[in-house]
Amino acid sequence: MFTASRLEVIANRHLFGPLKMTISSMKILRLLEKMDQLTPKEIMENIGGTKSNISQRLDLLEKRGYITKDNKKSDDKRKVYVRLTVTGKKSSKGCMNT
């Protein structure tokens, strides 16, 4: 357990840090790349974490232009769908090729 946590810290600092990303952010991008669109709840169920953490990650990714949030696909205006932008697709693929 300690080793996994340590590896995550090292990866965040040296691999994802220069890209201004975290492992959680990359997991979200990669998941959306595979699934096209998901709700925040579905993202949380797939990658783990808390509602607050997922919300913060999604807000940050949206601010940087990697994702968009859309509630037009549902009759329920509270239900939001998250999708990758073109920038998000490039970032998701580019980071895994480094």
C-alpha atoms as a PDB file:
ATOM      1  CA  MET A   1       0.000   0.000   0.000  1.00  0.00           C
ATOM      2  CA  PHE A   2       2.780   2.410   0.932  1.00  0.00           C
ATOM      3  CA  THR A   3       4.637   1.621  -2.296  1.00  0.00           C
ATOM      4  CA  ALA A   4       1.557   2.336  -4.432  1.00  0.00           C
ATOM      5  CA  SER A   5       1.009   5.665  -2.688  1.00  0.00           C
ATOM      6  CA  ARG A   6       4.647   6.590  -3.124  1.00  0.00           C
ATOM      7  CA  LEU A   7       4.564   5.702  -6.830  1.00  0.00           C
ATOM      8  CA  GLU A   8       1.485   7.879  -7.263  1.00  0.00           C
ATOM      9  CA  VAL A   9       3.245  10.831  -5.628  1.00  0.00           C
ATOM     10  CA  ILE A  10       6.307  10.347  -7.845  1.00  0.00           C
ATOM     11  CA  ALA A  11       4.177  10.040 -10.986  1.00  0.00           C
ATOM     12  CA  ASN A  12       2.176  13.143 -10.098  1.00  0.00           C
ATOM     13  CA  ARG A  13       5.338  15.134  -9.447  1.00  0.00           C
ATOM     14  CA  HIS A  14       7.566  14.020 -12.324  1.00  0.00           C
ATOM     15  CA  LEU A  15       5.303  12.718 -15.076  1.00  0.00           C
ATOM     16  CA  PHE A  16       1.996  14.532 -14.767  1.00  0.00           C
ATOM     17  CA  GLY A  17       3.182  17.614 -12.851  1.00  0.00           C
ATOM     18  CA  PRO A  18       4.974  19.214 -15.812  1.00  0.00           C
ATOM     19  CA  LEU A  19       1.736  18.763 -17.782  1.00  0.00           C
ATOM     20  CA  LYS A  20      -0.204  20.376 -14.910  1.00  0.00           C
ATOM     21  CA  MET A  21      -2.193  17.168 -14.487  1.00  0.00           C
ATOM     22  CA  THR A  22      -2.647  14.473 -11.849  1.00  0.00           C
ATOM     23  CA  ILE A  23      -3.242  10.758 -12.091  1.00  0.00           C
ATOM     24  CA  SER A  24      -6.918  11.362 -11.260  1.00  0.00           C
ATOM     25  CA  SER A  25      -7.243  13.887 -14.078  1.00  0.00           C
ATOM     26  CA  MET A  26      -5.611  11.496 -16.540  1.00  0.00           C
ATOM     27  CA  LYS A  27      -7.890   8.660 -15.418  1.00  0.00           C
ATOM     28  CA  ILE A  28     -10.890  10.869 -16.147  1.00  0.00           C
ATOM     29  CA  LEU A  29      -9.573  11.831 -19.591  1.00  0.00           C
ATOM     30  CA  ARG A  30      -8.764   8.235 -20.509  1.00  0.00           C
ATOM     31  CA  LEU A  31     -12.158   7.023 -19.274  1.00  0.00           C
ATOM     32  CA  LEU A  32     -13.969   9.669 -21.313  1.00  0.00           C
ATOM     33  CA  GLU A  33     -11.856   8.762 -24.329  1.00  0.00           C
ATOM     34  CA  LYS A  34     -13.126   5.187 -24.080  1.00  0.00           C
ATOM     35  CA  MET A  35     -16.738   5.918 -23.098  1.00  0.00           C
ATOM     36  CA  ASP A  36     -17.437   9.122 -25.094  1.00  0.00           C
ATOM     37  CA  GLN A  37     -19.644  10.720 -22.413  1.00  0.00           C
ATOM     38  CA  LEU A  38     -20.437  10.020 -18.775  1.00  0.00           C
ATOM     39  CA  THR A  39     -22.111  11.676 -15.824  1.00  0.00           C
ATOM     40  CA  PRO A  40     -19.932  12.767 -12.882  1.00  0.00           C
ATOM     41  CA  LYS A  41     -21.497   9.958 -10.845  1.00  0.00           C
ATOM     42  CA  GLU A  42     -20.490   7.377 -13.464  1.00  0.00           C
ATOM     43  CA  ILE A  43     -16.954   8.775 -13.478  1.00  0.00           C
ATOM     44  CA  MET A  44     -16.808   8.509  -9.689  1.00  0.00           C
ATOM     45  CA  GLU A  45     -18.036   4.905  -9.808  1.00  0.00           C
ATOM     46  CA  ASN A  46     -15.401   3.975 -12.406  1.00  0.00           C
ATOM     47  CA  ILE A  47     -12.285   5.622 -10.994  1.00  0.00           C
ATOM     48  CA  GLY A  48     -13.154   5.969  -7.323  1.00  0.00           C
ATOM     49  CA  GLY A  49     -12.698   9.017  -5.163  1.00  0.00           C
ATOM     50  CA  THR A  50     -15.180  11.275  -3.484  1.00  0.00           C
ATOM     51  CA  LYS A  51     -17.919  13.396  -5.003  1.00  0.00           C
ATOM     52  CA  SER A  52     -16.008  16.509  -3.958  1.00  0.00           C
ATOM     53  CA  ASN A  53     -12.736  15.320  -5.505  1.00  0.00           C
ATOM     54  CA  ILE A  54     -14.371  14.377  -8.807  1.00  0.00           C
ATOM     55  CA  SER A  55     -16.189  17.713  -8.889  1.00  0.00           C
ATOM     56  CA  GLN A  56     -12.914  19.597  -8.341  1.00  0.00           C
ATOM     57  CA  ARG A  57     -11.120  17.582 -11.033  1.00  0.00           C
ATOM     58  CA  LEU A  58     -13.952  18.153 -13.525  1.00  0.00           C
ATOM     59  CA  ASP A  59     -14.034  21.897 -12.809  1.00  0.00           C
ATOM     60  CA  LEU A  60     -10.282  22.115 -13.351  1.00  0.00           C
ATOM     61  CA  LEU A  61     -10.407  20.074 -16.561  1.00  0.00           C
ATOM     62  CA  GLU A  62     -13.262  22.224 -17.855  1.00  0.00           C
ATOM     63  CA  LYS A  63     -11.389  25.422 -16.996  1.00  0.00           C
ATOM     64  CA  ARG A  64      -8.371  24.184 -18.968  1.00  0.00           C
ATOM     65  CA  GLY A  65     -10.544  23.291 -21.950  1.00  0.00           C
ATOM     66  CA  TYR A  66     -10.139  19.507 -21.786  1.00  0.00           C
ATOM     67  CA  ILE A  67     -13.811  18.688 -21.172  1.00  0.00           C
ATOM     68  CA  THR A  68     -17.259  20.184 -21.618  1.00  0.00           C
ATOM     69  CA  LYS A  69     -20.305  19.710 -19.444  1.00  0.00           C
ATOM     70  CA  ASP A  70     -23.699  19.478 -21.106  1.00  0.00           C
ATOM     71  CA  ASN A  71     -27.187  18.920 -19.712  1.00  0.00           C
ATOM     72  CA  LYS A  72     -29.056  19.193 -23.010  1.00  0.00           C
ATOM     73  CA  LYS A  73     -29.163  15.435 -23.606  1.00  0.00           C
ATOM     74  CA  SER A  74     -31.552  14.755 -20.757  1.00  0.00           C
ATOM     75  CA  ASP A  75     -35.015  15.866 -19.718  1.00  0.00           C
ATOM     76  CA  ASP A  76     -33.628  16.289 -16.221  1.00  0.00           C
ATOM     77  CA  LYS A  77     -31.668  19.578 -16.263  1.00  0.00           C
ATOM     78  CA  ARG A  78     -29.764  18.495 -13.145  1.00  0.00           C
ATOM     79  CA  LYS A  79     -28.172  15.592 -15.002  1.00  0.00           C
ATOM     80  CA  VAL A  80     -24.900  16.686 -16.575  1.00  0.00           C
ATOM     81  CA  TYR A  81     -22.908  14.780 -19.175  1.00  0.00           C
ATOM     82  CA  VAL A  82     -19.154  15.214 -19.457  1.00  0.00           C
ATOM     83  CA  ARG A  83     -17.359  14.893 -22.812  1.00  0.00           C
ATOM     84  CA  LEU A  84     -13.821  15.393 -24.048  1.00  0.00           C
ATOM     85  CA  THR A  85     -12.969  18.382 -26.205  1.00  0.00           C
ATOM     86  CA  VAL A  86     -10.490  18.154 -29.075  1.00  0.00           C
ATOM     87  CA  THR A  87      -7.829  19.509 -26.708  1.00  0.00           C
ATOM     88  CA  GLY A  88      -8.742  16.856 -24.149  1.00  0.00           C
ATOM     89  CA  LYS A  89      -8.425  14.077 -26.711  1.00  0.00           C
ATOM     90  CA  LYS A  90      -4.970  15.298 -27.751  1.00  0.00           C
ATOM     91  CA  SER A  91      -3.846  15.625 -24.139  1.00  0.00           C
ATOM     92  CA  SER A  92      -5.156  12.195 -23.216  1.00  0.00           C
ATOM     93  CA  LYS A  93      -3.335  10.499 -26.075  1.00  0.00           C
ATOM     94  CA  GLY A  94      -0.206  12.646 -25.866  1.00  0.00           C
ATOM     95  CA  CYS A  95       0.424  11.979 -22.201  1.00  0.00           C
ATOM     96  CA  MET A  96       0.252   8.229 -22.610  1.00  0.00           C
ATOM     97  CA  ASN A  97       2.811   8.387 -25.441  1.00  0.00           C
ATOM     98  CA  THR A  98       5.454  10.142 -23.312  1.00  0.00           C
END
